[in-house]
N, C-alpha and C. Protein backbone atom coordinates (compact mmCIF):
# COMPACT_ATOMS: atom_id res chain seq x y z
N UNK A 1 -14.64 -14.60 7.71
CA UNK A 1 -14.99 -13.14 6.95
C UNK A 1 -15.61 -13.00 6.23
N UNK A 2 -17.04 -12.53 6.99
CA UNK A 2 -18.01 -12.44 5.80
C UNK A 2 -17.30 -11.87 4.59
N UNK A 3 -17.86 -10.87 3.68
CA UNK A 3 -18.29 -9.95 2.43
C UNK A 3 -17.99 -9.13 3.30
N UNK A 4 -19.07 -8.71 3.86
CA UNK A 4 -19.60 -7.02 4.54
C UNK A 4 -17.93 -6.65 5.41
N UNK A 5 -17.83 -7.53 6.15
CA UNK A 5 -17.06 -7.37 7.16
C UNK A 5 -15.28 -6.75 6.75
N UNK A 6 -15.63 -7.16 5.43
CA UNK A 6 -13.95 -7.14 4.70
C UNK A 6 -14.45 -5.68 4.58
N UNK A 7 -15.80 -4.93 3.62
CA UNK A 7 -15.45 -3.91 2.95
C UNK A 7 -15.54 -3.52 4.45
N UNK A 8 -16.33 -3.31 5.27
CA UNK A 8 -15.62 -2.84 6.37
C UNK A 8 -14.04 -2.08 6.53
N UNK A 9 -13.63 -3.46 5.88
CA UNK A 9 -12.29 -2.55 6.21
C UNK A 9 -11.26 -1.74 5.49
N UNK A 10 -11.97 -1.50 4.44
CA UNK A 10 -11.61 -0.92 3.36
C UNK A 10 -10.96 0.53 3.83
N UNK A 11 -11.11 1.18 4.42
CA UNK A 11 -11.21 2.68 5.53
C UNK A 11 -10.10 2.69 6.04
N UNK A 12 -9.94 0.91 6.88
CA UNK A 12 -8.98 1.44 7.37
C UNK A 12 -7.54 0.77 7.28
N UNK A 13 -7.53 0.34 6.63
CA UNK A 13 -6.52 -0.05 5.50
C UNK A 13 -5.49 0.78 4.18
N UNK A 14 -6.37 1.95 4.09
CA UNK A 14 -6.45 2.79 3.18
C UNK A 14 -6.01 3.75 4.28
N UNK A 15 -6.55 3.58 5.36
CA UNK A 15 -6.08 5.19 6.43
C UNK A 15 -4.02 4.51 6.60
N UNK A 16 -4.31 3.81 7.04
CA UNK A 16 -3.47 2.57 7.68
C UNK A 16 -1.55 2.72 6.03
N UNK A 17 -2.24 2.25 4.77
CA UNK A 17 -1.28 2.54 3.84
C UNK A 17 -1.07 4.20 3.50
N UNK A 18 -1.72 5.24 4.01
CA UNK A 18 -1.25 6.60 3.85
C UNK A 18 -0.87 6.95 5.18
N UNK A 19 -0.45 6.44 6.32
CA UNK A 19 -0.07 6.45 7.50
C UNK A 19 1.86 5.72 7.13
N UNK A 20 1.98 4.78 6.48
CA UNK A 20 2.30 4.24 5.64
C UNK A 20 3.45 4.72 5.00
N UNK A 21 2.97 5.73 4.00
CA UNK A 21 3.32 6.83 2.91
C UNK A 21 4.10 7.83 3.58
N UNK A 22 2.58 8.67 4.59
CA UNK A 22 4.30 9.57 5.26
C UNK A 22 5.20 9.32 5.97
N UNK A 23 5.50 8.23 6.58
CA UNK A 23 6.31 8.01 7.09
C UNK A 23 7.25 7.75 5.67
N UNK A 24 7.22 7.24 5.23
CA UNK A 24 8.67 7.15 4.24
C UNK A 24 8.65 8.78 3.31
N UNK A 25 8.28 9.55 3.09
CA UNK A 25 8.30 10.79 2.89
C UNK A 25 9.20 11.53 4.11
N UNK A 26 8.65 11.07 5.23
CA UNK A 26 9.58 11.60 6.29
C UNK A 26 10.57 10.88 6.65
N UNK A 27 11.23 9.69 6.37
CA UNK A 27 12.13 8.82 6.59
C UNK A 27 13.10 9.88 5.15
N UNK A 28 12.98 9.93 4.50
CA UNK A 28 14.19 10.72 3.65
C UNK A 28 14.70 9.87 2.87
N UNK A 29 14.55 8.80 2.92
CA UNK A 29 14.70 7.12 1.62
C UNK A 29 14.39 8.02 0.07
N UNK A 30 15.76 7.76 -0.60
CA UNK A 30 15.34 8.44 -2.02
C UNK A 30 15.01 7.47 -2.78
N UNK A 31 14.27 7.77 -4.04
CA UNK A 31 13.39 6.43 -4.54
C UNK A 31 13.03 7.48 -5.73
N UNK A 32 12.65 7.06 -6.57
CA UNK A 32 11.76 7.64 -8.12
C UNK A 32 10.61 7.84 -7.69
N UNK A 33 10.09 9.27 -7.34
CA UNK A 33 8.88 9.55 -7.18
C UNK A 33 8.91 11.38 -7.34
N UNK A 34 7.32 11.58 -7.30
CA UNK A 34 7.70 13.33 -7.32
C UNK A 34 7.27 13.47 -6.06
N UNK A 35 8.38 14.24 -5.69
CA UNK A 35 7.96 14.37 -4.28
C UNK A 35 7.06 15.84 -3.81
N UNK A 36 6.23 15.66 -3.01
CA UNK A 36 4.51 16.44 -2.76
C UNK A 36 3.72 15.37 -3.14
N UNK A 37 3.77 15.15 -4.37
CA UNK A 37 2.45 14.55 -4.92
C UNK A 37 1.89 12.84 -4.48
N UNK A 38 2.71 11.96 -4.12
CA UNK A 38 2.28 10.73 -3.66
C UNK A 38 1.00 10.78 -2.83
N UNK A 39 0.47 9.67 -3.50
CA UNK A 39 -1.00 9.57 -2.94
C UNK A 39 -1.56 8.13 -3.07
N UNK A 40 -1.83 7.33 -2.44
CA UNK A 40 -2.61 6.13 -2.72
C UNK A 40 -4.17 7.11 -3.27
N UNK A 41 -4.18 6.20 -4.06
CA UNK A 41 -4.88 6.00 -5.10
C UNK A 41 -6.44 5.55 -5.12
N UNK A 42 -6.21 3.85 -4.45
CA UNK A 42 -6.55 2.68 -4.46
C UNK A 42 -6.18 1.19 -3.83
N UNK A 43 -7.11 0.96 -3.60
CA UNK A 43 -7.13 -0.21 -2.46
C UNK A 43 -8.12 -1.27 -2.87
N UNK A 44 -7.59 -2.43 -2.93
CA UNK A 44 -8.67 -3.76 -3.26
C UNK A 44 -7.65 -4.82 -2.85
N UNK A 45 -8.66 -5.36 -2.64
CA UNK A 45 -8.89 -7.08 -2.01
C UNK A 45 -8.65 -7.83 -3.30
N UNK A 46 -7.22 -8.87 -3.00
CA UNK A 46 -7.35 -10.16 -4.19
C UNK A 46 -7.42 -11.24 -3.00
N UNK A 47 -8.14 -12.42 -3.53
CA UNK A 47 -8.41 -12.96 -2.55
C UNK A 47 -7.79 -14.49 -4.56
N UNK A 48 -6.35 -15.29 -4.08
CA UNK A 48 -5.97 -15.84 -4.87
C UNK A 48 -6.93 -17.36 -4.77
N UNK A 49 -6.45 -18.04 -6.48
CA UNK A 49 -7.04 -19.60 -6.15
C UNK A 49 -6.30 -20.49 -4.95
N UNK A 50 -5.64 -20.35 -4.76
CA UNK A 50 -4.62 -21.27 -3.90
C UNK A 50 -5.09 -21.19 -2.27
N UNK A 51 -5.52 -19.85 -2.48
CA UNK A 51 -6.56 -19.28 -0.67
C UNK A 51 -5.85 -18.62 -0.12
N UNK A 52 -4.82 -18.30 -0.84
CA UNK A 52 -4.07 -17.50 -0.36
C UNK A 52 -4.31 -15.15 -0.46
N UNK A 53 -4.66 -14.62 0.24
CA UNK A 53 -5.36 -13.18 -0.02
C UNK A 53 -4.27 -12.16 0.63
N UNK A 54 -4.65 -11.02 0.08
CA UNK A 54 -3.90 -9.78 0.26
C UNK A 54 -4.97 -8.25 -0.37
N UNK A 55 -3.11 -7.48 0.37
CA UNK A 55 -4.11 -5.97 0.12
C UNK A 55 -3.57 -5.90 -0.99
N UNK A 56 -3.47 -4.92 -1.98
CA UNK A 56 -3.48 -4.76 -2.79
C UNK A 56 -3.57 -2.77 -3.07
N UNK A 57 -2.52 -2.07 -3.17
CA UNK A 57 -2.34 -0.64 -2.93
C UNK A 57 -1.33 -0.45 -3.47
N UNK A 58 -2.53 0.62 -4.35
CA UNK A 58 -1.81 1.61 -5.48
C UNK A 58 -1.53 3.22 -5.24
N UNK A 59 -0.02 3.62 -5.14
CA UNK A 59 0.30 4.75 -5.31
C UNK A 59 0.74 5.01 -5.90
N UNK A 60 0.03 6.42 -6.46
CA UNK A 60 0.30 7.55 -7.65
C UNK A 60 1.57 7.73 -7.73
N UNK A 61 2.35 8.70 -8.41
CA UNK A 61 3.05 9.88 -8.51
C UNK A 61 4.65 8.74 -8.11
N UNK A 62 4.83 8.01 -8.76
CA UNK A 62 6.15 7.14 -8.59
C UNK A 62 6.56 5.82 -9.83
N UNK A 63 7.59 5.87 -9.35
CA UNK A 63 7.39 4.97 -11.16
C UNK A 63 7.99 3.77 -10.67
N UNK A 64 7.17 2.84 -11.92
CA UNK A 64 6.92 1.25 -11.34
C UNK A 64 7.95 1.00 -10.84
N UNK A 65 9.74 1.42 -11.50
CA UNK A 65 10.43 0.53 -10.70
C UNK A 65 10.82 1.54 -9.26
N UNK A 66 10.13 1.83 -8.45
CA UNK A 66 10.12 2.52 -7.30
C UNK A 66 10.62 1.32 -5.61
N UNK A 67 10.94 0.48 -6.12
CA UNK A 67 11.58 -0.89 -5.13
C UNK A 67 11.54 -0.25 -4.04
N UNK A 68 12.20 0.50 -3.69
CA UNK A 68 12.89 0.53 -1.82
C UNK A 68 11.26 1.47 -1.54
N UNK A 69 10.65 2.47 -2.31
CA UNK A 69 9.28 2.46 -1.40
C UNK A 69 8.46 1.91 -1.61
N UNK A 70 7.87 0.84 -2.46
CA UNK A 70 7.18 -0.23 -2.27
C UNK A 70 7.54 -1.15 -1.09
N UNK A 71 8.82 -1.69 -0.55
CA UNK A 71 9.27 -2.52 -0.20
C UNK A 71 9.02 -1.98 1.19
N UNK A 72 9.31 -0.35 1.64
CA UNK A 72 8.94 0.46 2.96
C UNK A 72 7.73 0.00 2.98
N UNK A 73 6.48 0.32 2.43
CA UNK A 73 4.60 0.19 2.60
C UNK A 73 4.70 -0.65 3.05
N UNK A 74 5.45 -1.85 1.97
CA UNK A 74 4.74 -3.32 2.53
C UNK A 74 5.05 -3.74 3.71
N UNK A 75 6.59 -3.46 4.10
CA UNK A 75 7.11 -3.98 5.33
C UNK A 75 6.42 -2.90 6.75
N UNK A 76 6.28 -1.67 6.41
CA UNK A 76 5.17 -1.37 7.47
C UNK A 76 3.72 -1.80 7.52
N UNK A 77 3.08 -1.85 6.37
CA UNK A 77 2.39 -2.90 6.44
C UNK A 77 2.17 -4.24 7.54
N UNK A 78 3.14 -4.83 6.94
CA UNK A 78 3.19 -6.39 7.35
C UNK A 78 3.64 -5.87 9.03
N UNK A 79 4.21 -4.99 9.56
CA UNK A 79 4.29 -5.52 11.41
C UNK A 79 2.97 -4.69 11.58
N UNK A 80 1.90 -4.53 10.58
CA UNK A 80 0.54 -4.30 11.28
C UNK A 80 -0.43 -6.22 10.92
N UNK A 81 0.37 -6.18 10.80
CA UNK A 81 -0.64 -7.73 9.86
C UNK A 81 -1.26 -8.03 9.52
N UNK A 82 -0.93 -6.49 8.10
CA UNK A 82 -1.68 -6.49 7.05
C UNK A 82 -0.66 -6.86 5.61
N UNK A 83 -1.62 -7.83 5.35
CA UNK A 83 -0.33 -8.51 4.48
C UNK A 83 -1.25 -7.78 2.96
N UNK A 84 0.27 -7.19 2.16
CA UNK A 84 0.32 -6.66 1.16
C UNK A 84 0.71 -6.35 0.10
N UNK A 85 0.17 -6.02 -0.97
CA UNK A 85 1.77 -5.62 -2.31
C UNK A 85 1.24 -4.56 -2.55
N UNK A 86 2.47 -3.84 -2.91
CA UNK A 86 2.33 -2.06 -3.61
C UNK A 86 2.08 -2.15 -5.06
N UNK A 87 1.57 -1.54 -5.78
CA UNK A 87 1.69 -1.09 -6.86
C UNK A 87 2.03 0.29 -7.85
N UNK A 88 3.30 0.91 -7.16
CA UNK A 88 3.48 2.13 -8.11
C UNK A 88 2.95 2.43 -9.43
N UNK A 89 3.04 3.53 -9.89
CA UNK A 89 2.79 4.23 -11.09
C UNK A 89 3.08 5.41 -11.60
N UNK A 90 2.87 6.56 -12.53
CA UNK A 90 3.34 7.72 -12.82
C UNK A 90 1.59 8.13 -12.78
C-alpha cells in the first residue's frame, strides 16, 4: 500500500473510532471520563522499526487511566481488523 492509500484511510479510521466511542458511551460501562464531552481528537498511523504498524487514536476528556474505555475502543476496532492503540487524555 502506498502512502496516498494510507492517507486516504484516515477519515474512515476516524469514523470507525467515533462509532466505537459512541458504542462505549451507550454501553453504560463506568470509567473515568467527562460524560458528554468525550471526543476523538487525533488519528495517527504508526510504523514501528520491527515492521509492525498500528493506528493511534487519541480521545479527549478521559483520564489517562481510563482502561475500560481504551480496551473497549481497541477491541471494537480490532473486530473491524483495525489494529489500534488508544490514548486518553484530559
